Amino acid sequence: MGPYKQIIEDLDEWQSSSDVFKLGDYIFENTITYFVYGSEHVAICLKIDLDVGEPDNAEPALAKFVETGALLYEKALDSEMPNNLRKAMIAGKPFKSSAEGKEILVTRKDWSIDNSYTLKLSIRNPEAARSSIFYFDD
């Protein structure tokens, strides 16, 4: 994980991200990246991005996305990931719910190239997020 640092001077907006983790050795990569957004003292949004640049090899990338997402869910919410969320992640389908006062989102953005796409799992504190530039429905 990179350093948690202020990204906009004079605003209490902070961010950290992991290195990009490559999933396979393909011409167009499938990758996972982890992000934390928040203020200096409070995490507002935890997010995992899966970029599927090689859709023909998406299955192992989706499995890693679900595995990583389940670990994040367990650590953030102190409970096991529900099956309906797991199924949405595997299928690459949008999903929205709440747990322990947090919003849980899976979003998908299709690229304009070769059926490639990005899936995002976000766990966010909606009350804290509304006052932040990091309140977004992606």
N, C-alpha and C. Protein backbone atom coordinates (compact mmCIF):
# COMPACT_ATOMS: atom_id res chain seq x y z
N MET A 1 0.85 -1.17 0.00
CA MET A 1 0.00 0.00 0.00
C MET A 1 0.89 1.23 0.00
N GLY A 2 0.55 2.19 -0.81
CA GLY A 2 1.29 3.44 -0.84
C GLY A 2 0.95 4.29 0.37
N PRO A 3 1.62 5.40 0.51
CA PRO A 3 1.35 6.27 1.66
C PRO A 3 -0.05 6.89 1.56
N TYR A 4 -0.66 7.12 2.70
CA TYR A 4 -1.96 7.80 2.78
C TYR A 4 -1.63 9.28 2.82
N LYS A 5 -1.98 10.00 1.75
CA LYS A 5 -1.53 11.39 1.65
C LYS A 5 -2.65 12.31 1.21
N GLN A 6 -2.50 13.55 1.59
CA GLN A 6 -3.45 14.59 1.19
C GLN A 6 -3.28 14.83 -0.30
N ILE A 7 -4.40 14.82 -1.02
CA ILE A 7 -4.30 14.95 -2.48
C ILE A 7 -4.72 16.31 -2.99
N ILE A 8 -5.46 17.07 -2.19
CA ILE A 8 -5.86 18.41 -2.58
C ILE A 8 -5.48 19.36 -1.46
N GLU A 9 -4.55 20.25 -1.74
CA GLU A 9 -4.11 21.19 -0.73
C GLU A 9 -5.28 22.02 -0.23
N ASP A 10 -5.30 22.28 1.06
CA ASP A 10 -6.34 23.07 1.73
C ASP A 10 -7.67 22.34 1.89
N LEU A 11 -7.78 21.10 1.46
CA LEU A 11 -8.97 20.29 1.69
C LEU A 11 -8.57 19.04 2.46
N ASP A 12 -9.46 18.54 3.28
CA ASP A 12 -9.18 17.34 4.05
C ASP A 12 -9.56 16.11 3.22
N GLU A 13 -8.91 15.95 2.09
CA GLU A 13 -9.15 14.84 1.17
C GLU A 13 -7.86 14.04 1.02
N TRP A 14 -7.91 12.78 1.42
CA TRP A 14 -6.73 11.93 1.45
C TRP A 14 -6.98 10.66 0.65
N GLN A 15 -5.88 10.03 0.19
CA GLN A 15 -6.01 8.83 -0.63
C GLN A 15 -4.75 7.98 -0.50
N SER A 16 -4.93 6.69 -0.66
CA SER A 16 -3.82 5.76 -0.79
C SER A 16 -4.24 4.68 -1.77
N SER A 17 -3.26 4.07 -2.42
CA SER A 17 -3.58 2.96 -3.31
C SER A 17 -2.45 1.94 -3.28
N SER A 18 -2.82 0.73 -3.62
CA SER A 18 -1.83 -0.33 -3.72
C SER A 18 -1.12 -0.21 -5.06
N ASP A 19 -0.09 -0.99 -5.22
CA ASP A 19 0.48 -1.18 -6.54
C ASP A 19 -0.55 -1.93 -7.38
N VAL A 20 -0.45 -1.82 -8.67
CA VAL A 20 -1.32 -2.57 -9.57
C VAL A 20 -0.83 -4.02 -9.57
N PHE A 21 -1.76 -4.94 -9.32
CA PHE A 21 -1.43 -6.37 -9.28
C PHE A 21 -1.88 -7.01 -10.58
N LYS A 22 -0.91 -7.50 -11.37
CA LYS A 22 -1.22 -8.12 -12.66
C LYS A 22 -1.74 -9.54 -12.44
N LEU A 23 -2.78 -9.89 -13.17
CA LEU A 23 -3.38 -11.22 -13.10
C LEU A 23 -3.18 -11.92 -14.43
N GLY A 24 -2.10 -12.63 -14.57
CA GLY A 24 -1.80 -13.31 -15.82
C GLY A 24 -0.79 -12.53 -16.63
N ASP A 25 -0.37 -13.15 -17.72
CA ASP A 25 0.64 -12.55 -18.59
C ASP A 25 0.07 -12.49 -20.00
N TYR A 26 -0.71 -11.45 -20.24
CA TYR A 26 -1.41 -11.31 -21.51
C TYR A 26 -1.00 -10.00 -22.18
N ILE A 27 -1.33 -9.87 -23.44
CA ILE A 27 -1.03 -8.63 -24.16
C ILE A 27 -1.75 -7.47 -23.51
N PHE A 28 -3.07 -7.61 -23.29
CA PHE A 28 -3.85 -6.63 -22.56
C PHE A 28 -4.06 -7.21 -21.17
N GLU A 29 -3.67 -6.49 -20.17
CA GLU A 29 -3.62 -7.05 -18.82
C GLU A 29 -4.96 -7.02 -18.10
N ASN A 30 -5.14 -8.00 -17.23
CA ASN A 30 -6.18 -7.99 -16.22
C ASN A 30 -5.47 -7.59 -14.93
N THR A 31 -5.98 -6.59 -14.22
CA THR A 31 -5.30 -6.09 -13.03
C THR A 31 -6.28 -5.80 -11.90
N ILE A 32 -5.76 -5.84 -10.68
CA ILE A 32 -6.52 -5.43 -9.49
C ILE A 32 -5.73 -4.35 -8.77
N THR A 33 -6.46 -3.33 -8.30
CA THR A 33 -5.86 -2.26 -7.50
C THR A 33 -6.79 -1.96 -6.34
N TYR A 34 -6.22 -1.69 -5.18
CA TYR A 34 -6.97 -1.38 -3.96
C TYR A 34 -6.78 0.10 -3.63
N PHE A 35 -7.87 0.78 -3.25
CA PHE A 35 -7.82 2.21 -2.92
C PHE A 35 -8.48 2.46 -1.57
N VAL A 36 -7.97 3.46 -0.86
CA VAL A 36 -8.61 3.99 0.34
C VAL A 36 -8.75 5.49 0.13
N TYR A 37 -9.96 6.00 0.32
CA TYR A 37 -10.25 7.43 0.22
C TYR A 37 -10.81 7.91 1.55
N GLY A 38 -10.49 9.14 1.92
CA GLY A 38 -11.08 9.66 3.14
C GLY A 38 -10.53 11.00 3.54
N SER A 39 -10.65 11.26 4.83
CA SER A 39 -10.07 12.46 5.43
C SER A 39 -8.78 12.04 6.14
N GLU A 40 -8.14 12.98 6.78
CA GLU A 40 -6.88 12.65 7.45
C GLU A 40 -7.06 11.55 8.48
N HIS A 41 -8.21 11.50 9.14
CA HIS A 41 -8.39 10.57 10.26
C HIS A 41 -9.43 9.48 10.03
N VAL A 42 -10.22 9.59 8.95
CA VAL A 42 -11.31 8.63 8.75
C VAL A 42 -11.32 8.14 7.30
N ALA A 43 -11.34 6.82 7.13
CA ALA A 43 -11.53 6.25 5.79
C ALA A 43 -13.00 6.37 5.43
N ILE A 44 -13.28 6.90 4.26
CA ILE A 44 -14.65 7.08 3.79
C ILE A 44 -15.05 5.98 2.82
N CYS A 45 -14.12 5.58 1.97
CA CYS A 45 -14.43 4.59 0.94
C CYS A 45 -13.25 3.65 0.75
N LEU A 46 -13.53 2.35 0.79
CA LEU A 46 -12.56 1.31 0.47
C LEU A 46 -12.99 0.74 -0.87
N LYS A 47 -12.05 0.60 -1.79
CA LYS A 47 -12.46 0.21 -3.14
C LYS A 47 -11.43 -0.73 -3.77
N ILE A 48 -11.94 -1.73 -4.46
CA ILE A 48 -11.11 -2.63 -5.26
C ILE A 48 -11.56 -2.49 -6.70
N ASP A 49 -10.62 -2.20 -7.59
CA ASP A 49 -10.91 -2.12 -9.02
C ASP A 49 -10.32 -3.33 -9.73
N LEU A 50 -11.12 -3.97 -10.55
CA LEU A 50 -10.65 -5.03 -11.43
C LEU A 50 -10.77 -4.52 -12.85
N ASP A 51 -9.65 -4.36 -13.51
CA ASP A 51 -9.64 -3.98 -14.93
C ASP A 51 -9.44 -5.26 -15.74
N VAL A 52 -10.42 -5.57 -16.58
CA VAL A 52 -10.36 -6.77 -17.42
C VAL A 52 -10.04 -6.31 -18.84
N GLY A 53 -8.78 -6.34 -19.17
CA GLY A 53 -8.32 -5.96 -20.50
C GLY A 53 -8.24 -7.15 -21.44
N GLU A 54 -8.34 -8.35 -20.87
CA GLU A 54 -8.27 -9.59 -21.63
C GLU A 54 -9.50 -10.44 -21.26
N PRO A 55 -10.68 -10.09 -21.81
CA PRO A 55 -11.93 -10.76 -21.42
C PRO A 55 -11.93 -12.28 -21.63
N ASP A 56 -11.17 -12.77 -22.60
CA ASP A 56 -11.12 -14.22 -22.82
C ASP A 56 -10.47 -14.95 -21.65
N ASN A 57 -9.75 -14.22 -20.82
CA ASN A 57 -9.10 -14.79 -19.64
C ASN A 57 -9.63 -14.15 -18.36
N ALA A 58 -10.90 -13.79 -18.37
CA ALA A 58 -11.48 -13.09 -17.22
C ALA A 58 -11.77 -14.00 -16.03
N GLU A 59 -12.01 -15.27 -16.24
CA GLU A 59 -12.44 -16.14 -15.15
C GLU A 59 -11.48 -16.15 -13.96
N PRO A 60 -10.16 -16.34 -14.16
CA PRO A 60 -9.27 -16.30 -12.99
C PRO A 60 -9.20 -14.90 -12.36
N ALA A 61 -9.34 -13.87 -13.17
CA ALA A 61 -9.32 -12.50 -12.64
C ALA A 61 -10.57 -12.25 -11.79
N LEU A 62 -11.72 -12.74 -12.25
CA LEU A 62 -12.96 -12.59 -11.47
C LEU A 62 -12.86 -13.37 -10.16
N ALA A 63 -12.27 -14.54 -10.21
CA ALA A 63 -12.09 -15.33 -8.98
C ALA A 63 -11.22 -14.58 -7.97
N LYS A 64 -10.16 -13.94 -8.44
CA LYS A 64 -9.28 -13.17 -7.55
C LYS A 64 -10.00 -11.93 -7.04
N PHE A 65 -10.82 -11.30 -7.88
CA PHE A 65 -11.62 -10.15 -7.47
C PHE A 65 -12.56 -10.54 -6.33
N VAL A 66 -13.24 -11.67 -6.47
CA VAL A 66 -14.15 -12.13 -5.42
C VAL A 66 -13.38 -12.49 -4.16
N GLU A 67 -12.27 -13.18 -4.29
CA GLU A 67 -11.46 -13.55 -3.13
C GLU A 67 -10.97 -12.29 -2.38
N THR A 68 -10.46 -11.33 -3.12
CA THR A 68 -9.97 -10.09 -2.52
C THR A 68 -11.12 -9.28 -1.92
N GLY A 69 -12.24 -9.24 -2.64
CA GLY A 69 -13.42 -8.54 -2.14
C GLY A 69 -13.97 -9.16 -0.87
N ALA A 70 -13.96 -10.48 -0.80
CA ALA A 70 -14.45 -11.17 0.41
C ALA A 70 -13.58 -10.83 1.61
N LEU A 71 -12.28 -10.76 1.40
CA LEU A 71 -11.37 -10.40 2.49
C LEU A 71 -11.60 -8.96 2.93
N LEU A 72 -11.75 -8.05 1.98
CA LEU A 72 -12.02 -6.65 2.31
C LEU A 72 -13.34 -6.53 3.07
N TYR A 73 -14.37 -7.20 2.59
CA TYR A 73 -15.69 -7.16 3.23
C TYR A 73 -15.58 -7.66 4.68
N GLU A 74 -14.91 -8.78 4.86
CA GLU A 74 -14.76 -9.36 6.20
C GLU A 74 -14.02 -8.43 7.14
N LYS A 75 -12.94 -7.83 6.67
CA LYS A 75 -12.14 -6.93 7.51
C LYS A 75 -12.88 -5.63 7.80
N ALA A 76 -13.60 -5.11 6.80
CA ALA A 76 -14.28 -3.82 6.96
C ALA A 76 -15.55 -3.93 7.78
N LEU A 77 -16.27 -5.05 7.64
CA LEU A 77 -17.60 -5.16 8.25
C LEU A 77 -17.68 -6.27 9.30
N ASP A 78 -16.60 -6.97 9.51
CA ASP A 78 -16.53 -8.03 10.51
C ASP A 78 -17.62 -9.08 10.31
N SER A 79 -17.87 -9.41 9.04
CA SER A 79 -18.82 -10.48 8.73
C SER A 79 -18.48 -11.05 7.35
N GLU A 80 -19.03 -12.20 7.08
CA GLU A 80 -18.78 -12.88 5.82
C GLU A 80 -19.55 -12.22 4.69
N MET A 81 -18.94 -12.18 3.51
CA MET A 81 -19.59 -11.60 2.35
C MET A 81 -20.84 -12.41 2.00
N PRO A 82 -21.99 -11.74 1.78
CA PRO A 82 -23.21 -12.47 1.43
C PRO A 82 -23.12 -13.07 0.02
N ASN A 83 -23.83 -14.17 -0.17
CA ASN A 83 -23.79 -14.88 -1.46
C ASN A 83 -24.30 -14.04 -2.62
N ASN A 84 -25.31 -13.18 -2.39
CA ASN A 84 -25.82 -12.39 -3.51
C ASN A 84 -24.78 -11.39 -4.01
N LEU A 85 -23.95 -10.87 -3.12
CA LEU A 85 -22.86 -9.99 -3.53
C LEU A 85 -21.80 -10.78 -4.27
N ARG A 86 -21.45 -11.94 -3.75
CA ARG A 86 -20.46 -12.81 -4.40
C ARG A 86 -20.92 -13.16 -5.82
N LYS A 87 -22.19 -13.51 -5.98
CA LYS A 87 -22.71 -13.88 -7.30
C LYS A 87 -22.67 -12.70 -8.27
N ALA A 88 -23.00 -11.50 -7.78
CA ALA A 88 -22.95 -10.31 -8.64
C ALA A 88 -21.52 -10.04 -9.10
N MET A 89 -20.56 -10.21 -8.20
CA MET A 89 -19.16 -9.97 -8.56
C MET A 89 -18.70 -10.98 -9.61
N ILE A 90 -19.02 -12.25 -9.42
CA ILE A 90 -18.62 -13.29 -10.37
C ILE A 90 -19.24 -13.03 -11.74
N ALA A 91 -20.51 -12.60 -11.74
CA ALA A 91 -21.21 -12.35 -13.00
C ALA A 91 -20.85 -11.01 -13.63
N GLY A 92 -20.15 -10.15 -12.88
CA GLY A 92 -19.82 -8.83 -13.39
C GLY A 92 -21.03 -7.95 -13.51
N LYS A 93 -21.98 -8.10 -12.58
CA LYS A 93 -23.24 -7.36 -12.61
C LYS A 93 -23.26 -6.28 -11.53
N PRO A 94 -23.92 -5.15 -11.79
CA PRO A 94 -24.07 -4.12 -10.76
C PRO A 94 -24.83 -4.65 -9.56
N PHE A 95 -24.51 -4.10 -8.40
CA PHE A 95 -25.11 -4.55 -7.14
C PHE A 95 -25.07 -3.38 -6.17
N LYS A 96 -26.13 -3.27 -5.35
CA LYS A 96 -26.15 -2.23 -4.33
C LYS A 96 -26.89 -2.76 -3.12
N SER A 97 -26.29 -2.58 -1.94
CA SER A 97 -26.95 -2.96 -0.70
C SER A 97 -26.30 -2.17 0.43
N SER A 98 -26.70 -2.49 1.65
CA SER A 98 -26.07 -1.86 2.81
C SER A 98 -25.87 -2.92 3.88
N ALA A 99 -24.89 -2.65 4.74
CA ALA A 99 -24.59 -3.53 5.87
C ALA A 99 -23.86 -2.71 6.91
N GLU A 100 -24.27 -2.84 8.15
CA GLU A 100 -23.59 -2.14 9.26
C GLU A 100 -23.49 -0.64 9.01
N GLY A 101 -24.51 -0.06 8.35
CA GLY A 101 -24.52 1.37 8.08
C GLY A 101 -23.62 1.80 6.94
N LYS A 102 -23.08 0.87 6.20
CA LYS A 102 -22.20 1.16 5.06
C LYS A 102 -22.91 0.79 3.76
N GLU A 103 -22.60 1.52 2.69
CA GLU A 103 -23.10 1.19 1.36
C GLU A 103 -22.12 0.24 0.69
N ILE A 104 -22.67 -0.78 0.07
CA ILE A 104 -21.87 -1.76 -0.65
C ILE A 104 -22.29 -1.67 -2.12
N LEU A 105 -21.34 -1.38 -2.99
CA LEU A 105 -21.64 -1.22 -4.42
C LEU A 105 -20.71 -2.06 -5.28
N VAL A 106 -21.28 -2.66 -6.30
CA VAL A 106 -20.48 -3.22 -7.39
C VAL A 106 -20.94 -2.48 -8.63
N THR A 107 -19.99 -1.88 -9.32
CA THR A 107 -20.32 -1.16 -10.55
C THR A 107 -19.47 -1.71 -11.69
N ARG A 108 -19.98 -1.52 -12.88
CA ARG A 108 -19.27 -1.98 -14.07
C ARG A 108 -19.25 -0.87 -15.10
N LYS A 109 -18.08 -0.67 -15.69
CA LYS A 109 -17.94 0.28 -16.79
C LYS A 109 -17.31 -0.47 -17.97
N ASP A 110 -18.07 -0.55 -19.06
CA ASP A 110 -17.56 -1.21 -20.26
C ASP A 110 -16.67 -0.26 -21.03
N TRP A 111 -15.56 -0.79 -21.52
CA TRP A 111 -14.66 -0.01 -22.34
C TRP A 111 -15.16 -0.08 -23.78
N SER A 112 -14.62 0.72 -24.63
CA SER A 112 -15.04 0.70 -26.03
C SER A 112 -14.19 -0.26 -26.86
N ILE A 113 -13.33 -1.03 -26.21
CA ILE A 113 -12.42 -1.92 -26.93
C ILE A 113 -12.66 -3.38 -26.54
N ASP A 114 -12.94 -4.22 -27.50
CA ASP A 114 -12.88 -5.68 -27.35
C ASP A 114 -13.56 -6.25 -26.11
N ASN A 115 -14.70 -5.74 -25.71
CA ASN A 115 -15.44 -6.27 -24.56
C ASN A 115 -14.70 -6.15 -23.23
N SER A 116 -13.71 -5.29 -23.17
CA SER A 116 -12.99 -5.05 -21.92
C SER A 116 -13.86 -4.22 -20.99
N TYR A 117 -13.57 -4.28 -19.68
CA TYR A 117 -14.40 -3.57 -18.71
C TYR A 117 -13.66 -3.41 -17.38
N THR A 118 -14.23 -2.58 -16.52
CA THR A 118 -13.76 -2.39 -15.15
C THR A 118 -14.90 -2.71 -14.21
N LEU A 119 -14.62 -3.53 -13.21
CA LEU A 119 -15.55 -3.79 -12.12
C LEU A 119 -14.98 -3.15 -10.87
N LYS A 120 -15.86 -2.55 -10.05
CA LYS A 120 -15.43 -1.93 -8.81
C LYS A 120 -16.30 -2.42 -7.67
N LEU A 121 -15.66 -2.80 -6.58
CA LEU A 121 -16.35 -3.07 -5.33
C LEU A 121 -16.01 -1.92 -4.41
N SER A 122 -17.04 -1.23 -3.91
CA SER A 122 -16.85 -0.11 -2.99
C SER A 122 -17.61 -0.37 -1.71
N ILE A 123 -16.95 -0.09 -0.60
CA ILE A 123 -17.58 -0.10 0.72
C ILE A 123 -17.36 1.29 1.27
N ARG A 124 -18.46 2.00 1.51
CA ARG A 124 -18.28 3.39 1.92
C ARG A 124 -19.25 3.79 3.03
N ASN A 125 -18.81 4.77 3.76
CA ASN A 125 -19.61 5.35 4.83
C ASN A 125 -20.40 6.50 4.22
N PRO A 126 -21.72 6.32 4.02
CA PRO A 126 -22.48 7.34 3.29
C PRO A 126 -22.57 8.68 4.00
N GLU A 127 -22.63 8.68 5.32
CA GLU A 127 -22.73 9.95 6.05
C GLU A 127 -21.46 10.77 5.91
N ALA A 128 -20.33 10.14 6.09
CA ALA A 128 -19.04 10.85 5.96
C ALA A 128 -18.77 11.22 4.51
N ALA A 129 -19.19 10.36 3.59
CA ALA A 129 -18.87 10.56 2.18
C ALA A 129 -19.60 11.75 1.57
N ARG A 130 -20.78 12.07 2.05
CA ARG A 130 -21.56 13.15 1.43
C ARG A 130 -20.85 14.51 1.51
N SER A 131 -19.96 14.68 2.46
CA SER A 131 -19.24 15.94 2.58
C SER A 131 -17.88 15.89 1.88
N SER A 132 -17.64 14.84 1.13
CA SER A 132 -16.34 14.64 0.51
C SER A 132 -16.46 14.67 -1.02
N ILE A 133 -15.37 15.01 -1.67
CA ILE A 133 -15.35 14.90 -3.13
C ILE A 133 -15.35 13.43 -3.54
N PHE A 134 -15.13 12.53 -2.60
CA PHE A 134 -15.11 11.10 -2.91
C PHE A 134 -16.47 10.45 -2.85
N TYR A 135 -17.53 11.26 -2.75
CA TYR A 135 -18.87 10.70 -2.79
C TYR A 135 -19.27 10.59 -4.26
N PHE A 136 -19.21 9.41 -4.77
CA PHE A 136 -19.53 9.19 -6.16
C PHE A 136 -20.18 7.83 -6.33
N ASP A 137 -21.00 7.70 -7.33
CA ASP A 137 -21.69 6.44 -7.61
C ASP A 137 -21.04 5.76 -8.81
N ASP A 138 -19.80 5.44 -8.69
CA ASP A 138 -19.18 4.74 -9.83
C ASP A 138 -19.24 3.28 -9.53
